[in-house]
C-alpha atoms as a PDB file:
ATOM      1  CA  MET A   1       0.136  -0.065   0.096  1.00  0.00           C
ATOM      2  CA  VAL A   2       1.461   3.492  -0.810  1.00  0.00           C
ATOM      3  CA  VAL A   3       0.978   6.053   1.300  1.00  0.00           C
ATOM      4  CA  SER A   4       0.367   9.785  -0.201  1.00  0.00           C
ATOM      5  CA  LEU A   5       2.494  12.343   1.459  1.00  0.00           C
ATOM      6  CA  THR A   6       1.379  15.985   2.118  1.00  0.00           C
ATOM      7  CA  ARG A   7       4.097  18.606   1.213  1.00  0.00           C
ATOM      8  CA  GLU A   8       4.346  19.552   5.158  1.00  0.00           C
ATOM      9  CA  ALA A   9       5.168  16.046   5.721  1.00  0.00           C
ATOM     10  CA  LEU A  10       7.508  15.691   3.169  1.00  0.00           C
ATOM     11  CA  ARG A  11       9.215  19.060   4.578  1.00  0.00           C
ATOM     12  CA  ASP A  12       9.240  17.632   8.020  1.00  0.00           C
ATOM     13  CA  ILE A  13      10.830  14.348   7.163  1.00  0.00           C
ATOM     14  CA  ARG A  14      13.411  16.722   5.173  1.00  0.00           C
ATOM     15  CA  THR A  15      14.016  18.821   8.099  1.00  0.00           C
ATOM     16  CA  ARG A  16      14.733  15.672  10.282  1.00  0.00           C
ATOM     17  CA  LEU A  17      16.912  14.424   7.725  1.00  0.00           C
ATOM     18  CA  TRP A  18      18.995  17.571   7.580  1.00  0.00           C
ATOM     19  CA  LEU A  19      19.243  17.850  11.234  1.00  0.00           C
ATOM     20  CA  CYS A  20      20.588  14.285  11.538  1.00  0.00           C
ATOM     21  CA  ILE A  21      23.303  14.963   8.909  1.00  0.00           C
ATOM     22  CA  MET A  22      24.049  18.123  10.658  1.00  0.00           C
ATOM     23  CA  VAL A  23      24.458  16.217  13.944  1.00  0.00           C
ATOM     24  CA  ILE A  24      26.558  13.715  12.284  1.00  0.00           C
ATOM     25  CA  MET A  25      29.138  16.160  10.527  1.00  0.00           C
ATOM     26  CA  LEU A  26      29.380  18.185  13.881  1.00  0.00           C
ATOM     27  CA  SER A  27      30.238  15.020  16.135  1.00  0.00           C
ATOM     28  CA  VAL A  28      32.788  13.970  13.574  1.00  0.00           C
ATOM     29  CA  ASP A  29      36.278  15.947  13.477  1.00  0.00           C
ATOM     30  CA  ALA A  30      36.963  15.491  10.014  1.00  0.00           C
ATOM     31  CA  LEU A  31      33.412  16.437   8.891  1.00  0.00           C
ATOM     32  CA  ASN A  32      32.827  19.336  11.204  1.00  0.00           C
ATOM     33  CA  PRO A  33      32.788  22.644   9.140  1.00  0.00           C
ATOM     34  CA  ILE A  34      33.802  24.884  11.832  1.00  0.00           C
ATOM     35  CA  LYS A  35      37.110  22.853  12.857  1.00  0.00           C
ATOM     36  CA  LEU A  36      37.733  22.723   8.968  1.00  0.00           C
ATOM     37  CA  ILE A  37      37.294  26.215   8.604  1.00  0.00           C
ATOM     38  CA  GLY A  38      39.906  27.038  11.596  1.00  0.00           C
ATOM     39  CA  ASP A  39      42.189  24.765  10.270  1.00  0.00           C
ATOM     40  CA  VAL A  40      42.230  26.005   6.735  1.00  0.00           C
ATOM     41  CA  PHE A  41      42.114  29.726   7.870  1.00  0.00           C
ATOM     42  CA  THR A  42      44.371  28.902  11.246  1.00  0.00           C
ATOM     43  CA  PHE A  43      42.503  30.733  13.791  1.00  0.00           C
ATOM     44  CA  PRO A  44      40.804  29.162  16.709  1.00  0.00           C
ATOM     45  CA  GLU A  45      37.233  27.737  16.600  1.00  0.00           C
ATOM     46  CA  GLU A  46      36.326  30.059  19.618  1.00  0.00           C
ATOM     47  CA  THR A  47      36.179  32.865  17.490  1.00  0.00           C
ATOM     48  CA  LEU A  48      33.605  31.480  15.080  1.00  0.00           C
ATOM     49  CA  ALA A  49      31.661  30.686  18.086  1.00  0.00           C
ATOM     50  CA  LEU A  50      32.041  34.553  19.627  1.00  0.00           C
ATOM     51  CA  VAL A  51      30.767  35.728  16.154  1.00  0.00           C
ATOM     52  CA  ALA A  52      27.768  33.177  15.756  1.00  0.00           C
ATOM     53  CA  ALA A  53      27.032  34.412  19.304  1.00  0.00           C
ATOM     54  CA  ALA A  54      26.916  38.007  18.455  1.00  0.00           C
ATOM     55  CA  ILE A  55      24.932  37.196  15.479  1.00  0.00           C
ATOM     56  CA  PHE A  56      22.464  35.009  17.362  1.00  0.00           C
ATOM     57  CA  THR A  57      22.179  38.017  19.712  1.00  0.00           C
ATOM     58  CA  SER A  58      21.480  40.724  17.184  1.00  0.00           C
ATOM     59  CA  ILE A  59      18.803  38.528  15.518  1.00  0.00           C
ATOM     60  CA  VAL A  60      17.258  37.892  18.684  1.00  0.00           C
ATOM     61  CA  ILE A  61      17.252  41.530  19.793  1.00  0.00           C
ATOM     62  CA  ALA A  62      16.191  42.593  16.050  1.00  0.00           C
ATOM     63  CA  ASN A  63      13.131  40.320  16.216  1.00  0.00           C
ATOM     64  CA  GLY A  64      12.283  40.719  20.180  1.00  0.00           C
ATOM     65  CA  LYS A  65       8.534  42.075  19.443  1.00  0.00           C
ATOM     66  CA  GLU A  66       7.677  38.721  17.412  1.00  0.00           C
ATOM     67  CA  LEU A  67       9.363  36.545  19.707  1.00  0.00           C
ATOM     68  CA  THR A  68       7.603  37.753  22.581  1.00  0.00           C
ATOM     69  CA  TYR A  69       4.262  37.420  21.066  1.00  0.00           C
ATOM     70  CA  TYR A  70       4.918  33.955  19.911  1.00  0.00           C
ATOM     71  CA  ALA A  71       6.377  32.973  23.295  1.00  0.00           C
ATOM     72  CA  ILE A  72       3.384  34.488  25.291  1.00  0.00           C
ATOM     73  CA  LYS A  73       0.468  32.898  22.627  1.00  0.00           C
ATOM     74  CA  ILE A  74       2.283  29.675  23.133  1.00  0.00           C
ATOM     75  CA  PHE A  75       2.517  29.997  27.031  1.00  0.00           C
ATOM     76  CA  PHE A  76      -1.276  30.892  26.917  1.00  0.00           C
ATOM     77  CA  LYS A  77      -1.988  28.061  24.418  1.00  0.00           C
ATOM     78  CA  SER A  78      -0.434  25.562  26.757  1.00  0.00           C
ATOM     79  CA  ILE A  79      -2.093  26.562  29.879  1.00  0.00           C
ATOM     80  CA  LEU A  80      -5.371  26.369  28.070  1.00  0.00           C
ATOM     81  CA  ASN A  81      -4.685  23.019  26.832  1.00  0.00           C
ATOM     82  CA  ILE A  82      -3.012  21.562  30.134  1.00  0.00           C
ATOM     83  CA  PHE A  83      -4.451  23.145  33.183  1.00  0.00           C
ATOM     84  CA  PHE A  84      -8.069  24.226  32.510  1.00  0.00           C
ATOM     85  CA  SER A  85     -11.077  22.541  31.691  1.00  0.00           C
ATOM     86  CA  SER A  86     -13.671  25.092  32.669  1.00  0.00           C
ATOM     87  CA  ILE A  87     -15.755  26.614  29.755  1.00  0.00           C
ATOM     88  CA  GLU A  88     -15.296  30.332  31.332  1.00  0.00           C
ATOM     89  CA  VAL A  89     -11.342  30.065  31.665  1.00  0.00           C
ATOM     90  CA  CYS A  90     -11.051  28.457  28.054  1.00  0.00           C
ATOM     91  CA  ALA A  91     -13.309  31.136  26.585  1.00  0.00           C
ATOM     92  CA  PHE A  92     -11.442  34.241  28.423  1.00  0.00           C
ATOM     93  CA  LEU A  93      -7.886  32.716  26.940  1.00  0.00           C
ATOM     94  CA  MET A  94      -9.286  32.156  23.362  1.00  0.00           C
ATOM     95  CA  PHE A  95     -10.556  35.476  23.165  1.00  0.00           C
ATOM     96  CA  LEU A  96      -7.009  36.973  24.579  1.00  0.00           C
ATOM     97  CA  LEU A  97      -5.529  35.021  22.102  1.00  0.00           C
ATOM     98  CA  ASN A  98      -7.750  36.078  19.288  1.00  0.00           C
ATOM     99  CA  TYR A  99      -7.233  39.807  20.910  1.00  0.00           C
ATOM    100  CA  LEU A 100      -3.159  39.307  20.523  1.00  0.00           C
ATOM    101  CA  ASP A 101      -3.838  37.945  16.881  1.00  0.00           C
ATOM    102  CA  ILE A 102      -5.677  41.167  16.141  1.00  0.00           C
ATOM    103  CA  LEU A 103      -3.127  43.604  17.550  1.00  0.00           C
ATOM    104  CA  LYS A 104      -0.590  41.624  15.430  1.00  0.00           C
ATOM    105  CA  ILE A 105      -2.552  42.218  12.243  1.00  0.00           C
ATOM    106  CA  LEU A 106      -3.176  45.601  13.160  1.00  0.00           C
ATOM    107  CA  ASN A 107       0.711  46.433  14.188  1.00  0.00           C
ATOM    108  CA  VAL A 108      -1.281  48.228  17.421  1.00  0.00           C
ATOM    109  CA  THR A 109       1.662  46.319  19.366  1.00  0.00           C
ATOM    110  CA  ASP A 110       4.045  49.482  18.148  1.00  0.00           C
ATOM    111  CA  TRP A 111       1.638  51.948  19.168  1.00  0.00           C
ATOM    112  CA  LEU A 112       1.301  50.021  22.726  1.00  0.00           C
ATOM    113  CA  THR A 113       5.100  49.821  23.146  1.00  0.00           C
ATOM    114  CA  GLN A 114       5.811  53.432  22.927  1.00  0.00           C
ATOM    115  CA  ALA A 115       5.236  55.690  25.776  1.00  0.00           C
ATOM    116  CA  HIS A 116       2.045  57.856  25.002  1.00  0.00           C
ATOM    117  CA  PRO A 117       0.596  60.423  27.815  1.00  0.00           C
ATOM    118  CA  CYS A 118      -2.668  59.922  29.159  1.00  0.00           C
END
């Protein structure tokens, strides 16, 4: 029996395969790209780690609002799924999640984060 895979399923499989290949490459010294670059250009691997950490930090800072938004959204969804079974609490949290989505769509989050006089 042949199973038809959707694009999302194939994308997930491809992502997992690439992650496995990357783990294998990083675990073998002869295949590790960081060690190979360090050997070719004769500088310590820690230098590349510091550069990568700086780039990672700048990406997190540049996308802080989006990361915070999705972290809060995932937090509320997990609370909704794990702890609450009451209809009233579920309805309130669903309202809050929809409100956050509307704020994101309307770009109101920029207005809310600026200091406005009352």
